Amino acid sequence: MKAVPANRYVVFFFIAIAGCLIDLATKSWMFDPARLGMPSGRTWWIWKGVFGFQTGLNEGALFGIGQGMVIVFVVLSAVAAMGILYWLFYAGAARDWWLTVALGCVTAGIFGNLYDRLGLHGLKWGPGHSLHNPGDSVCAVRDWILVMIGNWPWPTFNIADSLLVCGAIMLLWHAFFWQKKDRDEKITSGP
């Protein structure tokens, strides 16, 4: 099997680490009590009625699906991260630049949200939450970006979510267009 070039390790880990750090820094900044603080329901508009900041906590996954299933998402995140590392560096997918960048983005998103799901940010639940006791650790993803689609608010999200979506779109692009290009080249060049 052909070895993975060293520069692919550098690119992958740079994207994964930098993306995760940017996500965590922006979440920390947005959830600082001196700014918006814990989820307050208050919106700070950048473009009134279109784009703004609103802090929120998500104990589920995409669009809030699976609320309260934190352990399941922690395990899935760990398995996905290990699978990515195996695919890229053991199976050799990192020889492809596009896959290296796409999976770097996905990994950054996985670890940014995993950090939150493990409660490592240090937030504690306050009074008034029926499912949590005051002082319990918040094991939920911190979301803060609000986008309106007409009068409908898209569910709040964060940089990690954006990286996951961008990485997934890149993977789909690769699956549909690179594979077709490879098939077309094999067909025209013959066996």
C-alpha atoms as a PDB file:
ATOM      1  CA  MET A   1       0.000   0.000   0.000  1.00  0.00           C
ATOM      2  CA  LYS A   2       1.273   3.457  -0.926  1.00  0.00           C
ATOM      3  CA  ALA A   3       2.171   5.673   2.068  1.00  0.00           C
ATOM      4  CA  VAL A   4       0.215   8.812   2.912  1.00  0.00           C
ATOM      5  CA  PRO A   5       2.337  11.949   2.301  1.00  0.00           C
ATOM      6  CA  ALA A   6       3.381  13.753   5.502  1.00  0.00           C
ATOM      7  CA  ASN A   7       1.844  17.032   4.330  1.00  0.00           C
ATOM      8  CA  ARG A   8      -1.630  15.412   4.510  1.00  0.00           C
ATOM      9  CA  TYR A   9      -1.141  14.810   8.233  1.00  0.00           C
ATOM     10  CA  VAL A  10      -0.192  18.470   8.640  1.00  0.00           C
ATOM     11  CA  VAL A  11      -3.210  19.715   6.661  1.00  0.00           C
ATOM     12  CA  PHE A  12      -5.675  17.394   8.391  1.00  0.00           C
ATOM     13  CA  PHE A  13      -4.512  18.134  11.931  1.00  0.00           C
ATOM     14  CA  PHE A  14      -4.197  21.870  11.237  1.00  0.00           C
ATOM     15  CA  ILE A  15      -7.812  22.061  10.027  1.00  0.00           C
ATOM     16  CA  ALA A  16      -9.105  19.802  12.811  1.00  0.00           C
ATOM     17  CA  ILE A  17      -7.287  21.638  15.615  1.00  0.00           C
ATOM     18  CA  ALA A  18      -7.735  25.197  14.301  1.00  0.00           C
ATOM     19  CA  GLY A  19     -11.422  24.611  13.514  1.00  0.00           C
ATOM     20  CA  CYS A  20     -12.062  23.137  16.957  1.00  0.00           C
ATOM     21  CA  LEU A  21     -10.210  25.985  18.706  1.00  0.00           C
ATOM     22  CA  ILE A  22     -12.101  28.658  16.742  1.00  0.00           C
ATOM     23  CA  ASP A  23     -15.393  26.940  17.602  1.00  0.00           C
ATOM     24  CA  LEU A  24     -14.562  26.732  21.304  1.00  0.00           C
ATOM     25  CA  ALA A  25     -13.276  30.325  21.435  1.00  0.00           C
ATOM     26  CA  THR A  26     -16.434  31.716  19.800  1.00  0.00           C
ATOM     27  CA  LYS A  27     -18.682  29.671  22.097  1.00  0.00           C
ATOM     28  CA  SER A  28     -16.739  30.820  25.136  1.00  0.00           C
ATOM     29  CA  TRP A  29     -16.993  34.436  24.012  1.00  0.00           C
ATOM     30  CA  MET A  30     -20.727  34.237  23.260  1.00  0.00           C
ATOM     31  CA  PHE A  31     -21.587  32.457  26.514  1.00  0.00           C
ATOM     32  CA  ASP A  32     -19.579  34.858  28.670  1.00  0.00           C
ATOM     33  CA  PRO A  33     -22.053  36.387  31.166  1.00  0.00           C
ATOM     34  CA  ALA A  34     -20.719  39.858  30.290  1.00  0.00           C
ATOM     35  CA  ARG A  35     -22.023  39.397  26.734  1.00  0.00           C
ATOM     36  CA  LEU A  36     -25.072  37.247  26.059  1.00  0.00           C
ATOM     37  CA  GLY A  37     -24.410  34.733  28.842  1.00  0.00           C
ATOM     38  CA  MET A  38     -26.404  31.589  29.370  1.00  0.00           C
ATOM     39  CA  PRO A  39     -29.410  31.138  27.104  1.00  0.00           C
ATOM     40  CA  SER A  40     -31.472  34.214  27.648  1.00  0.00           C
ATOM     41  CA  GLY A  41     -33.811  34.169  24.654  1.00  0.00           C
ATOM     42  CA  ARG A  42     -32.494  37.627  23.825  1.00  0.00           C
ATOM     43  CA  THR A  43     -31.359  38.226  20.237  1.00  0.00           C
ATOM     44  CA  TRP A  44     -28.569  40.551  19.177  1.00  0.00           C
ATOM     45  CA  TRP A  45     -29.259  41.410  15.555  1.00  0.00           C
ATOM     46  CA  ILE A  46     -26.440  42.004  13.091  1.00  0.00           C
ATOM     47  CA  TRP A  47     -28.955  42.346  10.243  1.00  0.00           C
ATOM     48  CA  LYS A  48     -32.418  42.846  11.743  1.00  0.00           C
ATOM     49  CA  GLY A  49     -34.745  39.963  10.998  1.00  0.00           C
ATOM     50  CA  VAL A  50     -32.121  38.073   8.962  1.00  0.00           C
ATOM     51  CA  PHE A  51     -28.971  37.277  10.949  1.00  0.00           C
ATOM     52  CA  GLY A  52     -28.012  37.619  14.594  1.00  0.00           C
ATOM     53  CA  PHE A  53     -26.757  35.979  17.749  1.00  0.00           C
ATOM     54  CA  GLN A  54     -28.908  34.090  20.222  1.00  0.00           C
ATOM     55  CA  THR A  55     -27.432  31.687  22.757  1.00  0.00           C
ATOM     56  CA  GLY A  56     -29.048  28.298  23.236  1.00  0.00           C
ATOM     57  CA  LEU A  57     -28.239  24.822  24.529  1.00  0.00           C
ATOM     58  CA  ASN A  58     -28.911  21.648  22.552  1.00  0.00           C
ATOM     59  CA  GLU A  59     -28.841  18.309  24.365  1.00  0.00           C
ATOM     60  CA  GLY A  60     -29.593  16.531  21.105  1.00  0.00           C
ATOM     61  CA  ALA A  61     -28.132  16.496  17.620  1.00  0.00           C
ATOM     62  CA  LEU A  62     -29.098  18.079  14.304  1.00  0.00           C
ATOM     63  CA  PHE A  63     -32.278  20.187  14.688  1.00  0.00           C
ATOM     64  CA  GLY A  64     -32.528  19.043  18.320  1.00  0.00           C
ATOM     65  CA  ILE A  65     -33.236  15.421  17.401  1.00  0.00           C
ATOM     66  CA  GLY A  66     -32.557  12.987  20.247  1.00  0.00           C
ATOM     67  CA  GLN A  67     -32.793  15.427  23.150  1.00  0.00           C
ATOM     68  CA  GLY A  68     -31.194  14.028  26.290  1.00  0.00           C
ATOM     69  CA  MET A  69     -29.304  11.245  24.505  1.00  0.00           C
ATOM     70  CA  VAL A  70     -25.923  12.764  25.393  1.00  0.00           C
ATOM     71  CA  ILE A  71     -24.166   9.428  26.026  1.00  0.00           C
ATOM     72  CA  VAL A  72     -25.270   8.091  22.627  1.00  0.00           C
ATOM     73  CA  PHE A  73     -23.884  11.176  20.858  1.00  0.00           C
ATOM     74  CA  VAL A  74     -20.627  11.032  22.840  1.00  0.00           C
ATOM     75  CA  VAL A  75     -20.105   7.391  21.786  1.00  0.00           C
ATOM     76  CA  LEU A  76     -21.064   8.114  18.163  1.00  0.00           C
ATOM     77  CA  SER A  77     -18.644  11.068  18.099  1.00  0.00           C
ATOM     78  CA  ALA A  78     -15.760   8.950  19.413  1.00  0.00           C
ATOM     79  CA  VAL A  79     -16.490   6.143  16.942  1.00  0.00           C
ATOM     80  CA  ALA A  80     -16.755   8.619  14.034  1.00  0.00           C
ATOM     81  CA  ALA A  81     -13.431  10.278  14.959  1.00  0.00           C
ATOM     82  CA  MET A  82     -11.665   6.903  15.160  1.00  0.00           C
ATOM     83  CA  GLY A  83     -13.241   5.842  11.852  1.00  0.00           C
ATOM     84  CA  ILE A  84     -12.038   9.020  10.166  1.00  0.00           C
ATOM     85  CA  LEU A  85      -8.465   8.541  11.403  1.00  0.00           C
ATOM     86  CA  TYR A  86      -8.505   4.905  10.272  1.00  0.00           C
ATOM     87  CA  TRP A  87      -9.920   5.745   6.832  1.00  0.00           C
ATOM     88  CA  LEU A  88      -7.539   8.627   6.208  1.00  0.00           C
ATOM     89  CA  PHE A  89      -4.252   7.345   7.549  1.00  0.00           C
ATOM     90  CA  TYR A  90      -4.489   3.551   7.660  1.00  0.00           C
ATOM     91  CA  ALA A  91      -6.696   2.913   4.624  1.00  0.00           C
ATOM     92  CA  GLY A  92      -4.942   5.737   2.771  1.00  0.00           C
ATOM     93  CA  ALA A  93      -7.825   8.086   1.908  1.00  0.00           C
ATOM     94  CA  ALA A  94      -5.559  11.009   2.896  1.00  0.00           C
ATOM     95  CA  ARG A  95      -3.758  10.619  -0.432  1.00  0.00           C
ATOM     96  CA  ASP A  96      -6.767  12.568  -1.764  1.00  0.00           C
ATOM     97  CA  TRP A  97      -6.513  16.282  -0.865  1.00  0.00           C
ATOM     98  CA  TRP A  98     -10.267  16.822  -1.043  1.00  0.00           C
ATOM     99  CA  LEU A  99     -10.990  14.010   1.438  1.00  0.00           C
ATOM    100  CA  THR A 100      -8.243  15.236   3.750  1.00  0.00           C
ATOM    101  CA  VAL A 101      -9.731  18.736   3.915  1.00  0.00           C
ATOM    102  CA  ALA A 102     -13.347  17.502   4.156  1.00  0.00           C
ATOM    103  CA  LEU A 103     -12.574  15.085   6.981  1.00  0.00           C
ATOM    104  CA  GLY A 104     -10.466  17.724   8.747  1.00  0.00           C
ATOM    105  CA  CYS A 105     -13.578  19.928   8.833  1.00  0.00           C
ATOM    106  CA  VAL A 106     -15.764  17.062  10.049  1.00  0.00           C
ATOM    107  CA  THR A 107     -13.257  16.172  12.780  1.00  0.00           C
ATOM    108  CA  ALA A 108     -13.071  19.801  13.960  1.00  0.00           C
ATOM    109  CA  GLY A 109     -16.856  19.838  14.248  1.00  0.00           C
ATOM    110  CA  ILE A 110     -16.956  16.495  16.048  1.00  0.00           C
ATOM    111  CA  PHE A 111     -14.471  17.594  18.700  1.00  0.00           C
ATOM    112  CA  GLY A 112     -15.962  21.085  19.139  1.00  0.00           C
ATOM    113  CA  ASN A 113     -19.383  19.646  19.928  1.00  0.00           C
ATOM    114  CA  LEU A 114     -17.971  16.669  21.860  1.00  0.00           C
ATOM    115  CA  TYR A 115     -16.238  19.107  24.225  1.00  0.00           C
ATOM    116  CA  ASP A 116     -19.645  20.629  24.974  1.00  0.00           C
ATOM    117  CA  ARG A 117     -21.442  17.292  25.317  1.00  0.00           C
ATOM    118  CA  LEU A 118     -18.894  16.218  27.927  1.00  0.00           C
ATOM    119  CA  GLY A 119     -19.630  19.400  29.914  1.00  0.00           C
ATOM    120  CA  LEU A 120     -16.000  20.520  29.762  1.00  0.00           C
ATOM    121  CA  HIS A 121     -17.001  24.186  29.274  1.00  0.00           C
ATOM    122  CA  GLY A 122     -17.938  24.412  32.953  1.00  0.00           C
ATOM    123  CA  LEU A 123     -21.483  25.747  32.587  1.00  0.00           C
ATOM    124  CA  LYS A 124     -23.949  24.795  35.330  1.00  0.00           C
ATOM    125  CA  TRP A 125     -27.729  24.602  35.183  1.00  0.00           C
ATOM    126  CA  GLY A 126     -29.527  27.335  37.071  1.00  0.00           C
ATOM    127  CA  PRO A 127     -32.936  27.111  38.737  1.00  0.00           C
ATOM    128  CA  GLY A 128     -36.054  26.626  36.662  1.00  0.00           C
ATOM    129  CA  HIS A 129     -35.081  23.620  34.512  1.00  0.00           C
ATOM    130  CA  SER A 130     -37.489  20.747  35.077  1.00  0.00           C
ATOM    131  CA  LEU A 131     -35.029  18.080  33.873  1.00  0.00           C
ATOM    132  CA  HIS A 132     -31.932  19.390  35.671  1.00  0.00           C
ATOM    133  CA  ASN A 133     -31.024  20.298  39.213  1.00  0.00           C
ATOM    134  CA  PRO A 134     -29.444  23.694  39.863  1.00  0.00           C
ATOM    135  CA  GLY A 135     -25.664  23.314  39.848  1.00  0.00           C
ATOM    136  CA  ASP A 136     -25.604  20.215  37.608  1.00  0.00           C
ATOM    137  CA  SER A 137     -23.104  20.351  34.754  1.00  0.00           C
ATOM    138  CA  VAL A 138     -24.531  21.388  31.399  1.00  0.00           C
ATOM    139  CA  CYS A 139     -23.764  18.544  28.967  1.00  0.00           C
ATOM    140  CA  ALA A 140     -25.205  20.249  25.913  1.00  0.00           C
ATOM    141  CA  VAL A 141     -23.892  21.844  22.742  1.00  0.00           C
ATOM    142  CA  ARG A 142     -23.661  25.635  22.941  1.00  0.00           C
ATOM    143  CA  ASP A 143     -25.323  27.236  19.906  1.00  0.00           C
ATOM    144  CA  TRP A 144     -25.317  30.944  19.120  1.00  0.00           C
ATOM    145  CA  ILE A 145     -25.746  31.737  15.404  1.00  0.00           C
ATOM    146  CA  LEU A 146     -29.292  32.661  14.364  1.00  0.00           C
ATOM    147  CA  VAL A 147     -30.408  32.823  10.731  1.00  0.00           C
ATOM    148  CA  MET A 148     -33.938  33.692   9.709  1.00  0.00           C
ATOM    149  CA  ILE A 149     -35.564  32.175   6.625  1.00  0.00           C
ATOM    150  CA  GLY A 150     -38.368  34.629   6.031  1.00  0.00           C
ATOM    151  CA  ASN A 151     -40.257  34.691   9.334  1.00  0.00           C
ATOM    152  CA  TRP A 152     -38.987  31.274  10.369  1.00  0.00           C
ATOM    153  CA  PRO A 153     -35.889  31.031  12.584  1.00  0.00           C
ATOM    154  CA  TRP A 154     -33.488  28.308  11.464  1.00  0.00           C
ATOM    155  CA  PRO A 155     -32.376  26.354  14.567  1.00  0.00           C
ATOM    156  CA  THR A 156     -29.407  28.116  16.175  1.00  0.00           C
ATOM    157  CA  PHE A 157     -26.028  26.583  15.399  1.00  0.00           C
ATOM    158  CA  ASN A 158     -22.299  27.155  15.942  1.00  0.00           C
ATOM    159  CA  ILE A 159     -18.970  27.014  14.101  1.00  0.00           C
ATOM    160  CA  ALA A 160     -18.605  23.259  14.779  1.00  0.00           C
ATOM    161  CA  ASP A 161     -21.975  22.629  13.133  1.00  0.00           C
ATOM    162  CA  SER A 162     -20.902  24.751  10.158  1.00  0.00           C
ATOM    163  CA  LEU A 163     -17.679  22.745   9.815  1.00  0.00           C
ATOM    164  CA  LEU A 164     -19.601  19.461   9.988  1.00  0.00           C
ATOM    165  CA  VAL A 165     -22.014  20.604   7.279  1.00  0.00           C
ATOM    166  CA  CYS A 166     -19.231  21.955   5.021  1.00  0.00           C
ATOM    167  CA  GLY A 167     -17.272  18.706   5.438  1.00  0.00           C
ATOM    168  CA  ALA A 168     -20.372  16.619   4.686  1.00  0.00           C
ATOM    169  CA  ILE A 169     -21.124  18.664   1.550  1.00  0.00           C
ATOM    170  CA  MET A 170     -17.527  18.187   0.410  1.00  0.00           C
ATOM    171  CA  LEU A 171     -17.836  14.420   0.977  1.00  0.00           C
ATOM    172  CA  LEU A 172     -21.063  14.296  -1.038  1.00  0.00           C
ATOM    173  CA  TRP A 173     -19.468  16.350  -3.817  1.00  0.00           C
ATOM    174  CA  HIS A 174     -16.545  13.943  -3.842  1.00  0.00           C
ATOM    175  CA  ALA A 175     -18.802  10.887  -3.853  1.00  0.00           C
ATOM    176  CA  PHE A 176     -20.938  12.075  -6.757  1.00  0.00           C
ATOM    177  CA  PHE A 177     -18.515  14.020  -8.927  1.00  0.00           C
ATOM    178  CA  TRP A 178     -15.055  12.571  -8.290  1.00  0.00           C
ATOM    179  CA  GLN A 179     -16.324   9.015  -8.544  1.00  0.00           C
ATOM    180  CA  LYS A 180     -18.079   9.842 -11.817  1.00  0.00           C
ATOM    181  CA  LYS A 181     -14.915  11.507 -13.146  1.00  0.00           C
ATOM    182  CA  ASP A 182     -12.833   8.425 -12.213  1.00  0.00           C
ATOM    183  CA  ARG A 183     -15.385   6.081 -13.871  1.00  0.00           C
ATOM    184  CA  ASP A 184     -15.495   8.227 -17.016  1.00  0.00           C
ATOM    185  CA  GLU A 185     -11.675   8.217 -17.247  1.00  0.00           C
ATOM    186  CA  LYS A 186     -11.552   4.425 -16.837  1.00  0.00           C
ATOM    187  CA  ILE A 187     -14.231   3.944 -19.488  1.00  0.00           C
ATOM    188  CA  THR A 188     -12.480   6.183 -22.029  1.00  0.00           C
ATOM    189  CA  SER A 189      -8.994   4.825 -21.342  1.00  0.00           C
ATOM    190  CA  GLY A 190     -10.054   1.186 -21.461  1.00  0.00           C
ATOM    191  CA  PRO A 191      -8.903  -1.705 -19.253  1.00  0.00           C
END
